[in-house]
Amino acid sequence: MLGLSVFNHCCVLVFIVIYYIIFDIVGMCWMILLFLKRNTSLRMKMKREQK
């Protein structure tokens, strides 16, 4: 019975860690995408101003 509860706790901990890692990666990708989007829009503005 004790082993089962420990196993359940381990599963929950692993699940939380995986969830946090995925959340972190998604957040990083989102930030990079926003950054790239902003950069491209700035570049477009610069190109328009140069013409």
PDB file of N, CA and C in Angstrom:
ATOM      1  N   MET A   1       0.840  -1.199   0.000  1.00  0.00           N
ATOM      2  CA  MET A   1       0.000   0.000   0.000  1.00  0.00           C
ATOM      3  C   MET A   1       0.882   1.259   0.000  1.00  0.00           C
ATOM      4  N   LEU A   2       1.921   1.246   0.824  1.00  0.00           N
ATOM      5  CA  LEU A   2       2.830   2.393   0.914  1.00  0.00           C
ATOM      6  C   LEU A   2       3.555   2.588  -0.418  1.00  0.00           C
ATOM      7  N   GLY A   3       4.000   1.469  -1.026  1.00  0.00           N
ATOM      8  CA  GLY A   3       4.706   1.541  -2.310  1.00  0.00           C
ATOM      9  C   GLY A   3       3.832   2.179  -3.376  1.00  0.00           C
ATOM     10  N   LEU A   4       2.547   1.848  -3.373  1.00  0.00           N
ATOM     11  CA  LEU A   4       1.614   2.389  -4.368  1.00  0.00           C
ATOM     12  C   LEU A   4       1.483   3.904  -4.228  1.00  0.00           C
ATOM     13  N   SER A   5       1.358   4.391  -2.983  1.00  0.00           N
ATOM     14  CA  SER A   5       1.211   5.842  -2.770  1.00  0.00           C
ATOM     15  C   SER A   5       2.485   6.572  -3.201  1.00  0.00           C
ATOM     16  N   VAL A   6       3.660   5.962  -2.917  1.00  0.00           N
ATOM     17  CA  VAL A   6       4.935   6.563  -3.337  1.00  0.00           C
ATOM     18  C   VAL A   6       4.984   6.619  -4.866  1.00  0.00           C
ATOM     19  N   PHE A   7       4.564   5.522  -5.508  1.00  0.00           N
ATOM     20  CA  PHE A   7       4.535   5.457  -6.976  1.00  0.00           C
ATOM     21  C   PHE A   7       3.621   6.554  -7.534  1.00  0.00           C
ATOM     22  N   ASN A   8       2.462   6.742  -6.917  1.00  0.00           N
ATOM     23  CA  ASN A   8       1.521   7.780  -7.353  1.00  0.00           C
ATOM     24  C   ASN A   8       2.143   9.163  -7.212  1.00  0.00           C
ATOM     25  N   HIS A   9       2.827   9.392  -6.083  1.00  0.00           N
ATOM     26  CA  HIS A   9       3.481  10.692  -5.869  1.00  0.00           C
ATOM     27  C   HIS A   9       4.544  10.931  -6.940  1.00  0.00           C
ATOM     28  N   CYS A  10       5.323   9.889  -7.258  1.00  0.00           N
ATOM     29  CA  CYS A  10       6.363  10.009  -8.289  1.00  0.00           C
ATOM     30  C   CYS A  10       5.735  10.353  -9.642  1.00  0.00           C
ATOM     31  N   CYS A  11       4.634   9.685  -9.971  1.00  0.00           N
ATOM     32  CA  CYS A  11       3.944   9.936 -11.240  1.00  0.00           C
ATOM     33  C   CYS A  11       3.476  11.386 -11.305  1.00  0.00           C
ATOM     34  N   VAL A  12       2.916  11.863 -10.208  1.00  0.00           N
ATOM     35  CA  VAL A  12       2.421  13.244 -10.164  1.00  0.00           C
ATOM     36  C   VAL A  12       3.577  14.216 -10.339  1.00  0.00           C
ATOM     37  N   LEU A  13       4.700  13.949  -9.647  1.00  0.00           N
ATOM     38  CA  LEU A  13       5.883  14.824  -9.751  1.00  0.00           C
ATOM     39  C   LEU A  13       6.409  14.846 -11.185  1.00  0.00           C
ATOM     40  N   VAL A  14       6.537  13.671 -11.791  1.00  0.00           N
ATOM     41  CA  VAL A  14       7.022  13.578 -13.177  1.00  0.00           C
ATOM     42  C   VAL A  14       6.084  14.346 -14.106  1.00  0.00           C
ATOM     43  N   PHE A  15       4.784  14.163 -13.908  1.00  0.00           N
ATOM     44  CA  PHE A  15       3.787  14.845 -14.745  1.00  0.00           C
ATOM     45  C   PHE A  15       3.927  16.361 -14.612  1.00  0.00           C
ATOM     46  N   ILE A  16       4.098  16.848 -13.372  1.00  0.00           N
ATOM     47  CA  ILE A  16       4.242  18.291 -13.137  1.00  0.00           C
ATOM     48  C   ILE A  16       5.507  18.810 -13.829  1.00  0.00           C
ATOM     49  N   VAL A  17       6.613  18.067 -13.673  1.00  0.00           N
ATOM     50  CA  VAL A  17       7.886  18.483 -14.295  1.00  0.00           C
ATOM     51  C   VAL A  17       7.743  18.546 -15.806  1.00  0.00           C
ATOM     52  N   ILE A  18       7.163  17.507 -16.405  1.00  0.00           N
ATOM     53  CA  ILE A  18       6.972  17.478 -17.862  1.00  0.00           C
ATOM     54  C   ILE A  18       6.078  18.643 -18.294  1.00  0.00           C
ATOM     55  N   TYR A  19       5.014  18.884 -17.536  1.00  0.00           N
ATOM     56  CA  TYR A  19       4.083  19.981 -17.848  1.00  0.00           C
ATOM     57  C   TYR A  19       4.814  21.320 -17.832  1.00  0.00           C
ATOM     58  N   TYR A  20       5.649  21.522 -16.796  1.00  0.00           N
ATOM     59  CA  TYR A  20       6.386  22.777 -16.697  1.00  0.00           C
ATOM     60  C   TYR A  20       7.379  22.930 -17.842  1.00  0.00           C
ATOM     61  N   ILE A  21       8.072  21.843 -18.210  1.00  0.00           N
ATOM     62  CA  ILE A  21       9.047  21.890 -19.307  1.00  0.00           C
ATOM     63  C   ILE A  21       8.335  22.249 -20.610  1.00  0.00           C
ATOM     64  N   ILE A  22       7.207  21.590 -20.883  1.00  0.00           N
ATOM     65  CA  ILE A  22       6.446  21.863 -22.112  1.00  0.00           C
ATOM     66  C   ILE A  22       5.972  23.311 -22.105  1.00  0.00           C
ATOM     67  N   PHE A  23       5.453  23.766 -20.969  1.00  0.00           N
ATOM     68  CA  PHE A  23       4.967  25.141 -20.844  1.00  0.00           C
ATOM     69  C   PHE A  23       6.097  26.126 -21.114  1.00  0.00           C
ATOM     70  N   ASP A  24       7.301  25.820 -20.573  1.00  0.00           N
ATOM     71  CA  ASP A  24       8.474  26.674 -20.749  1.00  0.00           C
ATOM     72  C   ASP A  24       8.864  26.737 -22.226  1.00  0.00           C
ATOM     73  N   ILE A  25       8.898  25.579 -22.892  1.00  0.00           N
ATOM     74  CA  ILE A  25       9.279  25.526 -24.312  1.00  0.00           C
ATOM     75  C   ILE A  25       8.273  26.302 -25.154  1.00  0.00           C
ATOM     76  N   VAL A  26       6.988  26.097 -24.878  1.00  0.00           N
ATOM     77  CA  VAL A  26       5.938  26.808 -25.628  1.00  0.00           C
ATOM     78  C   VAL A  26       6.086  28.312 -25.426  1.00  0.00           C
ATOM     79  N   GLY A  27       6.331  28.715 -24.175  1.00  0.00           N
ATOM     80  CA  GLY A  27       6.512  30.137 -23.877  1.00  0.00           C
ATOM     81  C   GLY A  27       7.698  30.721 -24.632  1.00  0.00           C
ATOM     82  N   MET A  28       8.815  29.969 -24.655  1.00  0.00           N
ATOM     83  CA  MET A  28      10.015  30.426 -25.362  1.00  0.00           C
ATOM     84  C   MET A  28       9.719  30.584 -26.855  1.00  0.00           C
ATOM     85  N   CYS A  29       9.077  29.563 -27.437  1.00  0.00           N
ATOM     86  CA  CYS A  29       8.739  29.610 -28.868  1.00  0.00           C
ATOM     87  C   CYS A  29       7.839  30.808 -29.154  1.00  0.00           C
ATOM     88  N   TRP A  30       6.864  31.054 -28.294  1.00  0.00           N
ATOM     89  CA  TRP A  30       5.933  32.171 -28.453  1.00  0.00           C
ATOM     90  C   TRP A  30       6.695  33.489 -28.443  1.00  0.00           C
ATOM     91  N   MET A  31       7.631  33.646 -27.484  1.00  0.00           N
ATOM     92  CA  MET A  31       8.430  34.869 -27.381  1.00  0.00           C
ATOM     93  C   MET A  31       9.275  35.064 -28.636  1.00  0.00           C
ATOM     94  N   ILE A  32       9.917  33.969 -29.103  1.00  0.00           N
ATOM     95  CA  ILE A  32      10.751  34.047 -30.313  1.00  0.00           C
ATOM     96  C   ILE A  32       9.899  34.434 -31.512  1.00  0.00           C
ATOM     97  N   LEU A  33       8.716  33.823 -31.641  1.00  0.00           N
ATOM     98  CA  LEU A  33       7.823  34.141 -32.762  1.00  0.00           C
ATOM     99  C   LEU A  33       7.416  35.608 -32.732  1.00  0.00           C
ATOM    100  N   LEU A  34       7.044  36.095 -31.541  1.00  0.00           N
ATOM    101  CA  LEU A  34       6.651  37.504 -31.408  1.00  0.00           C
ATOM    102  C   LEU A  34       7.827  38.412 -31.767  1.00  0.00           C
ATOM    103  N   PHE A  35       9.026  38.057 -31.292  1.00  0.00           N
ATOM    104  CA  PHE A  35      10.232  38.836 -31.562  1.00  0.00           C
ATOM    105  C   PHE A  35      10.507  38.887 -33.066  1.00  0.00           C
ATOM    106  N   LEU A  36      10.438  37.720 -33.728  1.00  0.00           N
ATOM    107  CA  LEU A  36      10.665  37.664 -35.177  1.00  0.00           C
ATOM    108  C   LEU A  36       9.610  38.475 -35.920  1.00  0.00           C
ATOM    109  N   LYS A  37       8.372  38.375 -35.491  1.00  0.00           N
ATOM    110  CA  LYS A  37       7.265  39.106 -36.124  1.00  0.00           C
ATOM    111  C   LYS A  37       7.523  40.612 -36.033  1.00  0.00           C
ATOM    112  N   ARG A  38       7.934  41.064 -34.845  1.00  0.00           N
ATOM    113  CA  ARG A  38       8.200  42.474 -34.627  1.00  0.00           C
ATOM    114  C   ARG A  38       9.372  42.922 -35.508  1.00  0.00           C
ATOM    115  N   ASN A  39      10.411  42.098 -35.575  1.00  0.00           N
ATOM    116  CA  ASN A  39      11.582  42.428 -36.389  1.00  0.00           C
ATOM    117  C   ASN A  39      11.217  42.546 -37.867  1.00  0.00           C
ATOM    118  N   THR A  40      10.423  41.600 -38.367  1.00  0.00           N
ATOM    119  CA  THR A  40      10.048  41.638 -39.787  1.00  0.00           C
ATOM    120  C   THR A  40       9.207  42.879 -40.076  1.00  0.00           C
ATOM    121  N   SER A  41       8.304  43.227 -39.169  1.00  0.00           N
ATOM    122  CA  SER A  41       7.468  44.412 -39.381  1.00  0.00           C
ATOM    123  C   SER A  41       8.345  45.669 -39.370  1.00  0.00           C
ATOM    124  N   LEU A  42       9.355  45.700 -38.500  1.00  0.00           N
ATOM    125  CA  LEU A  42      10.284  46.846 -38.454  1.00  0.00           C
ATOM    126  C   LEU A  42      11.061  46.927 -39.763  1.00  0.00           C
ATOM    127  N   ARG A  43      11.525  45.774 -40.243  1.00  0.00           N
ATOM    128  CA  ARG A  43      12.282  45.733 -41.503  1.00  0.00           C
ATOM    129  C   ARG A  43      11.412  46.233 -42.650  1.00  0.00           C
ATOM    130  N   MET A  44      10.161  45.818 -42.668  1.00  0.00           N
ATOM    131  CA  MET A  44       9.239  46.248 -43.727  1.00  0.00           C
ATOM    132  C   MET A  44       9.094  47.770 -43.692  1.00  0.00           C
ATOM    133  N   LYS A  45       8.945  48.327 -42.503  1.00  0.00           N
ATOM    134  CA  LYS A  45       8.811  49.783 -42.359  1.00  0.00           C
ATOM    135  C   LYS A  45      10.061  50.485 -42.875  1.00  0.00           C
ATOM    136  N   MET A  46      11.230  49.948 -42.515  1.00  0.00           N
ATOM    137  CA  MET A  46      12.499  50.541 -42.960  1.00  0.00           C
ATOM    138  C   MET A  46      12.592  50.518 -44.488  1.00  0.00           C
ATOM    139  N   LYS A  47      12.231  49.381 -45.071  1.00  0.00           N
ATOM    140  CA  LYS A  47      12.275  49.255 -46.533  1.00  0.00           C
ATOM    141  C   LYS A  47      11.359  50.288 -47.191  1.00  0.00           C
ATOM    142  N   ARG A  48      10.184  50.455 -46.625  1.00  0.00           N
ATOM    143  CA  ARG A  48       9.227  51.430 -47.181  1.00  0.00           C
ATOM    144  C   ARG A  48       9.782  52.846 -47.082  1.00  0.00           C
ATOM    145  N   GLU A  49      10.427  53.158 -45.952  1.00  0.00           N
ATOM    146  CA  GLU A  49      10.978  54.499 -45.757  1.00  0.00           C
ATOM    147  C   GLU A  49      12.130  54.768 -46.730  1.00  0.00           C
ATOM    148  N   GLN A  50      12.927  53.741 -47.009  1.00  0.00           N
ATOM    149  CA  GLN A  50      14.081  53.904 -47.913  1.00  0.00           C
ATOM    150  C   GLN A  50      13.635  54.230 -49.341  1.00  0.00           C
ATOM    151  N   LYS A  51      12.507  53.658 -49.761  1.00  0.00           N
ATOM    152  CA  LYS A  51      12.068  53.842 -51.166  1.00  0.00           C
ATOM    153  C   LYS A  51      11.704  55.280 -51.493  1.00  0.00           C
TER     154      LYS A  51
END
